[in-house]
Amino acid sequence: MQRILSTYLFVRRKLSATIIEAAAHANFTAIEVFCARGHFDYQSAAEARALGSALDAHGLALHALHAPTQRDLGPSRESGSPISISDPERVRRLDAVDEIKRALDVAECVPFRFLVLHVATSRDPDEPRRWDAAFNSIEHLALFAKQRGVTIALENTPGDLPTPANLRRFLDQTRLTDVRFCFDAGHAHMSPGIAVALESMRERIVTAHIHDNHGEKDEHLPPFDGTVDWPAALAALPPDTPQVLELRAPELPLNTDPPEPAALLEPARAALDRLEQTQPARA
C-alpha cells in the first residue's frame, strides 16, 4: 500500500517545508497537493520550485494535484467564489479552465501523475447544458494535461451532477479516452454507496481518496472513525489503486493557535497503519 497524504489536512495554512518534513516522519511516501492559493500558490513558480526542493530533501514524491475548487480560499477566509468547469456561462467557464491550466503548469517545475478534477459544484443541477460545458472544458484540459505528462482524473463529489453513474455515462458518450477517475470513498459512502459507485467507476479508476463519515455529511474523518466498512471497501477497490488519505483538520476555538503538523499527522499515521493491516491479500 502506498502511503499518500492529501495536504487538504493543512488547507487553512501555508504549505511549508515543515509540513513536508512532518509527513515524511509520519512515514508517508508521497503527497497530493490541494490547490488553494492561500495554501499553495500554484501560480507562483517560486512556490512550485520550493515544493519540489522540499519533496526532494525528504524523499517524497508528488503523486497528484487537486485542481482548485474556489478562488481566494485562504487562511483568513471561510470560503471563496466557486470554480466550475460546467458553468454554462461561457466567460465564467473559460475563466475556470484558465485557472486549472495554471495549476497544471506546476508540472513544468515538479512532475506529477494526476490532476484530480471536480466536474461541478454540489449545487449545480444535472442538466444537458452543463454536461456540454463540462465536455468543452475537459476536452481542452485533457489535451493540455497530456502535453505535461499529466492525466485528468474526475472525482465523484456530492451533488446531483457528478455522481458515479453520471460520470461513467459522460465518459462513455464523449469517448474522452485519456480521462480517468479518482474514486472518493467518503463521497461514495454518502451516496450511492461504495459498492454501487465502484460498479460505475471501476474500469477507469487510477487513484482514490480515502476518508470516513457517518453517511450524511462530508466529514473527511480518519478511516474507522465513521461508518464505512473498510475491509469490504478495500477489497472492492481495483488492485494496486493508489490510496490518498484526504482528511480535514478539526475545528478549533477562535483565537486558538493551530496544532503542530506532527500532532495533526498522528491520527493520519495511525489510520494508515490500521488500513495496511486491513488490506486484503492479493493473489
Protein backbone atom coordinates (compact mmCIF):
# COMPACT_ATOMS: atom_id res chain seq x y z
CA MET A 1 0.00 0.00 0.00
CA GLN A 2 1.34 3.41 -0.95
CA ARG A 3 1.20 5.91 1.92
CA ILE A 4 -0.04 9.12 0.28
CA LEU A 5 -1.23 12.22 2.12
CA SER A 6 -3.50 14.95 0.77
CA THR A 7 -2.44 18.36 2.03
CA TYR A 8 -6.15 19.18 2.40
CA LEU A 9 -5.45 18.49 6.08
CA PHE A 10 -3.46 21.75 6.12
CA VAL A 11 -5.51 23.78 3.63
CA ARG A 12 -6.05 26.64 6.12
CA ARG A 13 -2.32 27.30 6.41
CA LYS A 14 0.62 27.72 4.07
CA LEU A 15 2.16 24.54 2.71
CA SER A 16 5.67 24.64 4.16
CA ALA A 17 8.83 22.58 4.32
CA THR A 18 7.90 21.85 7.94
CA ILE A 19 4.68 20.14 6.81
CA ILE A 20 6.57 18.13 4.17
CA GLU A 21 9.13 17.08 6.78
CA ALA A 22 6.38 16.04 9.22
CA ALA A 23 4.71 13.96 6.50
CA ALA A 24 7.99 12.16 5.82
CA HIS A 25 8.49 11.48 9.54
CA ALA A 26 4.94 10.06 9.67
CA ASN A 27 6.03 7.50 7.04
CA PHE A 28 4.18 8.98 4.09
CA THR A 29 5.98 8.46 0.79
CA ALA A 30 4.03 10.84 -1.47
CA ILE A 31 1.57 13.71 -1.30
CA GLU A 32 -1.36 15.15 -3.20
CA VAL A 33 -1.31 18.94 -3.01
CA PHE A 34 -4.64 20.72 -2.69
CA CYS A 35 -4.57 23.81 -4.90
CA ALA A 36 -5.87 26.71 -2.83
CA ARG A 37 -3.71 29.79 -3.27
CA GLY A 38 -3.64 30.61 0.44
CA HIS A 39 -2.23 27.11 0.98
CA PHE A 40 -0.15 26.56 -2.16
CA ASP A 41 0.08 29.33 -4.75
CA TYR A 42 0.12 27.22 -7.89
CA GLN A 43 0.56 30.40 -9.95
CA SER A 44 3.95 31.05 -8.34
CA ALA A 45 6.94 29.37 -9.97
CA ALA A 46 8.94 30.14 -6.82
CA GLU A 47 6.46 28.23 -4.64
CA ALA A 48 6.46 25.32 -7.09
CA ARG A 49 10.26 25.15 -7.01
CA ALA A 50 10.24 25.35 -3.20
CA LEU A 51 7.77 22.46 -3.10
CA GLY A 52 9.99 20.38 -5.36
CA SER A 53 13.05 21.12 -3.23
CA ALA A 54 11.24 20.17 -0.01
CA LEU A 55 9.96 16.92 -1.52
CA ASP A 56 13.43 16.01 -2.79
CA ALA A 57 15.00 16.82 0.58
CA HIS A 58 12.69 14.40 2.39
CA GLY A 59 12.37 11.69 -0.26
CA LEU A 60 8.69 12.27 -1.05
CA ALA A 61 7.01 12.18 -4.46
CA LEU A 62 4.28 14.46 -5.79
CA HIS A 63 1.55 11.97 -6.66
CA ALA A 64 -1.11 14.46 -7.76
CA LEU A 65 -2.51 17.94 -7.58
CA HIS A 66 -6.12 18.55 -6.64
CA ALA A 67 -7.42 21.23 -9.01
CA PRO A 68 -8.62 24.46 -7.41
CA THR A 69 -12.31 24.48 -6.48
CA GLN A 70 -12.54 28.08 -5.28
CA ARG A 71 -10.83 31.40 -5.74
CA ASP A 72 -9.50 33.32 -2.75
CA LEU A 73 -9.73 30.43 -0.29
CA GLY A 74 -7.07 31.12 2.30
CA PRO A 75 -6.25 31.07 6.00
CA SER A 76 -8.24 34.26 6.65
CA ARG A 77 -11.35 33.29 4.62
CA GLU A 78 -14.08 30.76 5.33
CA SER A 79 -14.83 30.33 1.63
CA GLY A 80 -14.19 31.79 -1.79
CA SER A 81 -16.07 32.04 -5.07
CA PRO A 82 -16.57 28.59 -6.63
CA ILE A 83 -14.83 27.45 -9.80
CA SER A 84 -16.97 25.26 -12.08
CA ILE A 85 -15.90 23.87 -15.44
CA SER A 86 -19.55 23.04 -16.14
CA ASP A 87 -20.74 26.62 -15.81
CA PRO A 88 -22.99 27.31 -18.82
CA GLU A 89 -21.90 30.94 -18.90
CA ARG A 90 -19.00 30.88 -21.37
CA VAL A 91 -16.93 33.64 -19.76
CA ARG A 92 -17.05 32.04 -16.31
CA ARG A 93 -16.36 28.59 -17.75
CA LEU A 94 -13.31 29.75 -19.68
CA ASP A 95 -12.08 31.58 -16.60
CA ALA A 96 -12.37 28.31 -14.63
CA VAL A 97 -10.46 26.42 -17.33
CA ASP A 98 -7.70 29.04 -17.34
CA GLU A 99 -7.38 28.76 -13.56
CA ILE A 100 -6.99 24.99 -13.75
CA LYS A 101 -4.43 25.32 -16.55
CA ARG A 102 -2.33 27.44 -14.18
CA ALA A 103 -2.32 24.54 -11.73
CA LEU A 104 -1.31 22.12 -14.50
CA ASP A 105 1.67 24.35 -15.27
CA VAL A 106 3.17 23.25 -11.93
CA ALA A 107 4.22 20.08 -13.78
CA GLU A 108 6.86 22.11 -15.59
CA CYS A 109 8.63 22.57 -12.23
CA VAL A 110 7.54 19.46 -10.30
CA PRO A 111 6.30 16.43 -12.27
CA PHE A 112 3.14 14.70 -11.06
CA ARG A 113 0.91 11.97 -12.46
CA PHE A 114 -2.68 13.08 -11.92
CA LEU A 115 -4.81 16.20 -11.68
CA VAL A 116 -7.91 15.44 -9.61
CA LEU A 117 -10.78 17.50 -11.02
CA HIS A 118 -14.31 18.31 -9.85
CA VAL A 119 -16.79 18.41 -12.72
CA ALA A 120 -19.30 20.62 -10.87
CA THR A 121 -20.20 22.14 -7.53
CA SER A 122 -22.64 20.43 -5.19
CA ARG A 123 -25.35 22.93 -6.16
CA ASP A 124 -25.07 22.55 -9.94
CA PRO A 125 -28.18 20.88 -11.41
CA ASP A 126 -27.97 17.80 -13.61
CA GLU A 127 -28.91 19.31 -16.97
CA PRO A 128 -27.65 18.88 -20.56
CA ARG A 129 -26.20 22.35 -20.99
CA ARG A 130 -23.89 21.80 -18.01
CA TRP A 131 -22.66 18.50 -19.42
CA ASP A 132 -22.00 20.23 -22.74
CA ALA A 133 -19.97 22.87 -20.89
CA ALA A 134 -18.10 20.16 -18.97
CA PHE A 135 -17.24 18.36 -22.21
CA ASN A 136 -15.82 21.51 -23.79
CA SER A 137 -13.74 22.18 -20.67
CA ILE A 138 -12.43 18.66 -20.14
CA GLU A 139 -11.61 18.07 -23.80
CA HIS A 140 -9.36 21.13 -23.71
CA LEU A 141 -7.87 20.38 -20.28
CA ALA A 142 -7.13 16.74 -21.10
CA LEU A 143 -5.01 17.75 -24.08
CA PHE A 144 -3.27 20.49 -22.08
CA ALA A 145 -2.56 17.98 -19.29
CA LYS A 146 -1.31 15.27 -21.65
CA GLN A 147 1.27 17.68 -23.06
CA ARG A 148 2.63 17.96 -19.50
CA GLY A 149 2.59 14.24 -18.75
CA VAL A 150 -0.49 14.50 -16.53
CA THR A 151 -3.74 12.52 -16.60
CA ILE A 152 -7.05 14.17 -15.68
CA ALA A 153 -8.93 12.15 -13.01
CA LEU A 154 -12.57 13.16 -12.50
CA GLU A 155 -13.75 12.83 -8.90
CA ASN A 156 -17.20 11.72 -7.75
CA THR A 157 -18.39 14.52 -5.48
CA PRO A 158 -21.62 15.36 -3.62
CA GLY A 159 -24.44 16.73 -5.77
CA ASP A 160 -26.89 15.69 -8.48
CA LEU A 161 -24.50 16.14 -11.42
CA PRO A 162 -21.13 14.48 -10.55
CA THR A 163 -22.49 11.08 -9.43
CA PRO A 164 -20.55 7.91 -10.29
CA ALA A 165 -23.21 6.79 -12.75
CA ASN A 166 -23.31 10.19 -14.45
CA LEU A 167 -19.52 10.35 -14.72
CA ARG A 168 -19.40 6.88 -16.26
CA ARG A 169 -22.14 7.77 -18.74
CA PHE A 170 -20.35 11.01 -19.61
CA LEU A 171 -17.07 9.28 -20.50
CA ASP A 172 -18.87 6.52 -22.41
CA GLN A 173 -20.75 9.05 -24.51
CA THR A 174 -17.93 11.52 -25.12
CA ARG A 175 -15.17 8.94 -25.67
CA LEU A 176 -12.63 11.07 -23.81
CA THR A 177 -10.19 8.18 -23.79
CA ASP A 178 -7.39 9.99 -21.94
CA VAL A 179 -9.61 10.89 -18.95
CA ARG A 180 -9.85 8.66 -15.88
CA PHE A 181 -11.48 8.65 -12.42
CA CYS A 182 -10.47 9.49 -8.88
CA PHE A 183 -12.73 7.33 -6.71
CA ASP A 184 -13.67 9.13 -3.50
CA ALA A 185 -14.70 6.51 -0.95
CA GLY A 186 -16.13 9.00 1.54
CA HIS A 187 -18.32 10.68 -1.07
CA ALA A 188 -19.48 7.30 -2.39
CA HIS A 189 -20.41 6.21 1.14
CA MET A 190 -22.80 9.19 1.39
CA SER A 191 -24.49 8.22 -1.89
CA PRO A 192 -24.99 5.81 -3.65
CA GLY A 193 -22.80 3.51 -1.52
CA ILE A 194 -19.28 2.30 -2.17
CA ALA A 195 -20.18 -0.97 -3.89
CA VAL A 196 -22.68 0.71 -6.25
CA ALA A 197 -20.28 3.55 -7.04
CA LEU A 198 -17.50 1.12 -7.89
CA GLU A 199 -19.73 -0.67 -10.38
CA SER A 200 -19.84 2.54 -12.40
CA MET A 201 -16.25 3.73 -11.96
CA ARG A 202 -14.08 0.63 -11.54
CA GLU A 203 -12.66 0.30 -15.05
CA ARG A 204 -11.26 3.82 -15.16
CA ILE A 205 -10.05 4.38 -11.57
CA VAL A 206 -6.41 5.48 -11.35
CA THR A 207 -6.35 6.97 -7.84
CA ALA A 208 -8.61 7.07 -4.77
CA HIS A 209 -9.42 9.39 -1.89
CA ILE A 210 -9.75 7.66 1.46
CA HIS A 211 -11.71 9.24 4.31
CA ASP A 212 -14.67 8.37 6.53
CA ASN A 213 -18.04 9.82 7.56
CA HIS A 214 -21.36 8.72 9.04
CA GLY A 215 -23.20 8.60 5.72
CA GLU A 216 -24.76 12.06 5.89
CA LYS A 217 -22.10 14.81 5.95
CA ASP A 218 -18.80 15.10 4.10
CA GLU A 219 -16.79 14.94 7.34
CA HIS A 220 -13.39 13.76 6.00
CA LEU A 221 -12.70 11.75 9.15
CA PRO A 222 -9.85 9.28 9.59
CA PRO A 223 -10.80 5.77 8.45
CA PHE A 224 -12.61 3.78 11.19
CA ASP A 225 -13.94 6.98 12.81
CA GLY A 226 -17.17 6.82 10.75
CA THR A 227 -19.37 4.07 9.37
CA VAL A 228 -17.52 2.94 6.23
CA ASP A 229 -16.94 -0.82 6.16
CA TRP A 230 -13.24 -0.55 5.36
CA PRO A 231 -12.43 -4.27 4.93
CA ALA A 232 -15.21 -4.52 2.32
CA ALA A 233 -14.30 -1.18 0.68
CA LEU A 234 -10.62 -2.03 0.34
CA ALA A 235 -11.38 -5.50 -1.01
CA ALA A 236 -13.66 -3.97 -3.66
CA LEU A 237 -11.12 -1.40 -4.90
CA PRO A 238 -9.19 -2.37 -8.04
CA PRO A 239 -5.83 -3.91 -7.09
CA ASP A 240 -2.91 -1.52 -6.62
CA THR A 241 -5.09 1.61 -6.68
CA PRO A 242 -3.10 4.47 -5.07
CA GLN A 243 -4.93 5.45 -1.88
CA VAL A 244 -4.69 9.10 -0.84
CA LEU A 245 -5.65 9.90 2.74
CA GLU A 246 -7.77 13.06 2.49
CA LEU A 247 -8.61 14.30 6.00
CA ARG A 248 -9.99 17.60 7.27
CA ALA A 249 -8.39 19.47 10.15
CA PRO A 250 -10.57 19.59 13.29
CA GLU A 251 -12.41 22.82 14.06
CA LEU A 252 -10.63 25.00 16.63
CA PRO A 253 -12.00 27.63 19.02
CA LEU A 254 -11.46 31.23 17.96
CA ASN A 255 -8.04 32.73 18.72
CA THR A 256 -6.52 29.27 19.13
CA ASP A 257 -3.17 28.50 17.53
CA PRO A 258 -3.30 25.53 15.14
CA PRO A 259 -1.61 22.31 16.25
CA GLU A 260 1.87 21.49 15.06
CA PRO A 261 1.88 19.45 11.82
CA ALA A 262 3.22 16.38 13.63
CA ALA A 263 0.26 16.43 16.02
CA LEU A 264 -2.27 16.62 13.17
CA LEU A 265 -0.49 13.82 11.34
CA GLU A 266 -0.52 11.36 14.23
CA PRO A 267 -4.17 10.30 13.71
CA ALA A 268 -3.48 10.08 9.98
CA ARG A 269 -0.46 7.85 10.52
CA ALA A 270 -2.38 5.63 12.94
CA ALA A 271 -5.30 5.32 10.49
CA LEU A 272 -2.96 4.30 7.67
CA ASP A 273 -1.29 1.73 9.91
CA ARG A 274 -4.70 0.19 10.57
CA LEU A 275 -5.64 0.35 6.89
CA GLU A 276 -2.48 -1.50 5.97
CA GLN A 277 -3.46 -4.27 8.38
CA THR A 278 -6.90 -4.37 6.74
CA GLN A 279 -5.66 -4.58 3.15
CA PRO A 280 -6.81 -7.84 1.50
CA ALA A 281 -4.19 -10.30 0.36
CA ARG A 282 -3.83 -10.26 -3.42
CA ALA A 283 -3.04 -13.41 -5.35
